[in-house]
Amino acid sequence: MKALTQSLKKSLEKSWPYLKGAIILAVLNIILLLVTGRAWKITTGFLYMGAGVLEFFGLNPRSWYYFSVYQNDAPASFFMNRYTAMNISIIVGAAIASLMTSEFKWKKIKTKKQLVFGFIGGILMGFGTRLSFGCNIGSYFSAIPSFSLHGWVYAVFMFIGAYIGSKVLMKFLL
């Protein structure tokens, strides 16, 4: 038991290599698919949380075209569902992991320009995930192991977009 505790402590003292993290994520993704019969999704949970906030303020997003056509299996509660639970678990798990490795830090916003770019980028990412019916998790990470061709097409355009986006950031922000 002592050897296991020391081994665990040693593995948490520094960041893991990317390959080790990728293998663990892949195994967890396979387990999730086998246990629940559903692929890992992220943005659907955030979509439901946003709809829940709108519903709290008196709006009725369930009557909107998007929810009546594309999300006709929306849960009874926008806050109490498997996708929201997964998102909260990921956030809590990442916070615990970063605290255990002493890598958690608050970063202050350096400039107003950085804040504006972050805000615009967040809106564009959210809008893009609804247009493509998913983010890089559902459209790439869960698609390729499921032998879906769209995952490979998504990968090509994701890398092209990341390249262009990094060039824009380098020119205008840094």
Protein backbone atom coordinates (compact mmCIF):
# COMPACT_ATOMS: atom_id res chain seq x y z
CA MET A 1 0.00 0.00 0.00
CA LYS A 2 2.84 2.35 0.85
CA ALA A 3 4.47 1.72 -2.53
CA LEU A 4 1.18 2.53 -4.28
CA THR A 5 0.81 5.75 -2.31
CA GLN A 6 4.38 6.80 -3.14
CA SER A 7 3.87 5.93 -6.82
CA LEU A 8 0.66 7.98 -6.94
CA LYS A 9 2.32 10.91 -5.18
CA LYS A 10 5.27 10.77 -7.59
CA SER A 11 2.96 10.73 -10.64
CA LEU A 12 1.13 13.83 -9.35
CA GLU A 13 4.24 15.90 -8.65
CA LYS A 14 4.67 17.00 -12.26
CA SER A 15 2.61 17.28 -15.43
CA TRP A 16 1.95 14.10 -17.36
CA PRO A 17 3.30 13.64 -20.87
CA TYR A 18 0.75 14.27 -23.61
CA LEU A 19 0.82 10.62 -24.71
CA LYS A 20 -0.09 9.38 -21.22
CA GLY A 21 -2.96 11.87 -20.98
CA ALA A 22 -4.18 10.97 -24.47
CA ILE A 23 -4.23 7.26 -23.65
CA ILE A 24 -6.13 7.85 -20.41
CA LEU A 25 -8.68 10.08 -22.19
CA ALA A 26 -9.13 7.49 -24.96
CA VAL A 27 -9.71 4.69 -22.44
CA LEU A 28 -12.18 6.81 -20.47
CA ASN A 29 -14.00 7.72 -23.70
CA ILE A 30 -14.33 4.04 -24.61
CA ILE A 31 -15.60 3.20 -21.11
CA LEU A 32 -18.16 6.02 -21.33
CA LEU A 33 -19.39 4.75 -24.70
CA LEU A 34 -19.63 1.15 -23.43
CA VAL A 35 -21.38 2.06 -20.16
CA THR A 36 -23.82 4.71 -21.37
CA GLY A 37 -24.12 3.89 -25.06
CA ARG A 38 -23.51 7.56 -25.84
CA ALA A 39 -20.50 9.49 -27.04
CA TRP A 40 -18.85 12.17 -24.95
CA LYS A 41 -20.43 15.57 -25.60
CA ILE A 42 -19.54 18.90 -24.07
CA THR A 43 -21.41 21.71 -25.80
CA THR A 44 -24.80 20.06 -25.48
CA GLY A 45 -24.48 20.42 -21.70
CA PHE A 46 -23.58 24.10 -22.01
CA LEU A 47 -26.46 24.57 -24.46
CA TYR A 48 -28.84 23.07 -21.90
CA MET A 49 -27.40 25.23 -19.11
CA GLY A 50 -27.86 28.37 -21.21
CA ALA A 51 -31.42 27.34 -22.08
CA GLY A 52 -32.05 26.71 -18.37
CA VAL A 53 -30.91 30.23 -17.51
CA LEU A 54 -33.21 31.67 -20.18
CA GLU A 55 -36.06 29.51 -18.88
CA PHE A 56 -35.38 30.79 -15.35
CA PHE A 57 -35.83 34.36 -16.60
CA GLY A 58 -39.21 33.53 -18.12
CA LEU A 59 -38.36 32.67 -21.72
CA ASN A 60 -39.48 29.39 -23.29
CA PRO A 61 -36.56 28.01 -25.33
CA ARG A 62 -38.29 24.63 -25.73
CA SER A 63 -40.71 26.29 -28.15
CA TRP A 64 -37.88 27.59 -30.35
CA TYR A 65 -37.28 25.96 -33.70
CA TYR A 66 -33.87 24.59 -32.70
CA PHE A 67 -35.23 22.72 -29.70
CA SER A 68 -38.32 21.48 -31.50
CA VAL A 69 -36.38 20.11 -34.49
CA TYR A 70 -32.81 19.35 -33.42
CA GLN A 71 -33.12 18.81 -29.69
CA ASN A 72 -36.49 17.06 -29.53
CA ASP A 73 -35.02 14.70 -26.92
CA ALA A 74 -34.07 17.57 -24.59
CA PRO A 75 -34.20 16.52 -20.93
CA ALA A 76 -37.05 17.43 -18.62
CA SER A 77 -34.66 19.71 -16.72
CA PHE A 78 -32.02 21.74 -18.51
CA PHE A 79 -29.82 21.61 -15.39
CA MET A 80 -30.36 18.00 -14.26
CA ASN A 81 -29.14 15.80 -17.12
CA ARG A 82 -26.19 13.60 -18.07
CA TYR A 83 -24.43 16.25 -20.17
CA THR A 84 -24.48 18.89 -17.46
CA ALA A 85 -23.28 16.32 -14.94
CA MET A 86 -20.39 15.39 -17.26
CA ASN A 87 -19.41 19.04 -17.75
CA ILE A 88 -19.44 19.75 -14.02
CA SER A 89 -17.44 16.57 -13.41
CA ILE A 90 -14.84 17.60 -15.98
CA ILE A 91 -14.46 21.06 -14.45
CA VAL A 92 -14.22 19.71 -10.90
CA GLY A 93 -11.82 16.94 -11.99
CA ALA A 94 -9.57 19.41 -13.82
CA ALA A 95 -9.56 21.73 -10.80
CA ILE A 96 -8.65 18.86 -8.47
CA ALA A 97 -5.89 17.66 -10.82
CA SER A 98 -4.39 21.14 -11.16
CA LEU A 99 -4.55 21.67 -7.40
CA MET A 100 -2.89 18.30 -6.74
CA THR A 101 -0.01 19.15 -9.09
CA SER A 102 0.25 22.71 -7.71
CA GLU A 103 -0.41 24.15 -11.17
CA PHE A 104 -3.62 26.02 -10.37
CA LYS A 105 -3.29 29.77 -10.69
CA TRP A 106 -5.57 32.70 -11.25
CA LYS A 107 -4.50 34.83 -14.18
CA LYS A 108 -5.53 38.42 -14.45
CA ILE A 109 -6.57 39.91 -17.74
CA LYS A 110 -3.63 41.87 -19.09
CA THR A 111 -5.41 44.29 -21.41
CA LYS A 112 -8.89 45.27 -22.53
CA LYS A 113 -7.92 44.02 -25.98
CA GLN A 114 -7.36 40.53 -24.53
CA LEU A 115 -10.77 40.67 -22.86
CA VAL A 116 -12.50 41.70 -26.10
CA PHE A 117 -10.72 38.98 -28.11
CA GLY A 118 -11.67 36.38 -25.48
CA PHE A 119 -15.30 37.50 -25.47
CA ILE A 120 -15.58 37.51 -29.28
CA GLY A 121 -13.77 34.17 -29.50
CA GLY A 122 -16.14 32.61 -26.97
CA ILE A 123 -19.19 33.81 -28.87
CA LEU A 124 -17.80 32.55 -32.18
CA MET A 125 -16.93 29.17 -30.67
CA GLY A 126 -20.40 28.82 -29.14
CA PHE A 127 -22.06 29.78 -32.41
CA GLY A 128 -19.80 27.44 -34.36
CA THR A 129 -20.59 24.49 -32.10
CA ARG A 130 -24.30 24.89 -32.77
CA LEU A 131 -23.75 25.20 -36.54
CA SER A 132 -21.62 22.06 -36.58
CA PHE A 133 -23.72 20.26 -33.93
CA GLY A 134 -20.76 19.81 -31.65
CA CYS A 135 -17.31 20.82 -30.58
CA ASN A 136 -13.95 19.16 -30.98
CA ILE A 137 -14.96 16.53 -28.42
CA GLY A 138 -18.10 15.27 -30.16
CA SER A 139 -17.05 16.08 -33.72
CA TYR A 140 -13.45 14.87 -33.43
CA PHE A 141 -12.50 13.03 -30.27
CA SER A 142 -15.64 10.87 -30.09
CA ALA A 143 -16.14 10.63 -33.87
CA ILE A 144 -12.81 9.11 -34.92
CA PRO A 145 -12.90 6.16 -32.47
CA SER A 146 -16.50 5.55 -33.58
CA PHE A 147 -15.18 5.11 -37.15
CA SER A 148 -17.06 8.15 -38.41
CA LEU A 149 -15.69 9.80 -41.57
CA HIS A 150 -16.86 13.23 -40.44
CA GLY A 151 -14.30 13.12 -37.61
CA TRP A 152 -11.43 13.05 -40.10
CA VAL A 153 -12.95 15.84 -42.20
CA TYR A 154 -13.44 17.86 -39.03
CA ALA A 155 -9.80 17.23 -38.03
CA VAL A 156 -8.46 18.69 -41.30
CA PHE A 157 -10.52 21.88 -40.98
CA MET A 158 -9.87 22.14 -37.23
CA PHE A 159 -6.12 22.23 -37.84
CA ILE A 160 -6.50 24.73 -40.69
CA GLY A 161 -8.64 26.94 -38.44
CA ALA A 162 -6.17 26.64 -35.56
CA TYR A 163 -3.34 27.67 -37.87
CA ILE A 164 -5.23 30.70 -39.20
CA GLY A 165 -6.44 31.62 -35.70
CA SER A 166 -2.93 31.51 -34.26
CA LYS A 167 -1.66 33.76 -37.07
CA VAL A 168 -4.45 36.28 -36.35
CA LEU A 169 -3.64 36.21 -32.62
CA MET A 170 0.07 36.69 -33.26
CA LYS A 171 -0.58 39.65 -35.53
CA PHE A 172 -3.21 41.51 -33.52
CA LEU A 173 -2.85 40.44 -29.89
CA LEU A 174 0.72 39.53 -29.12
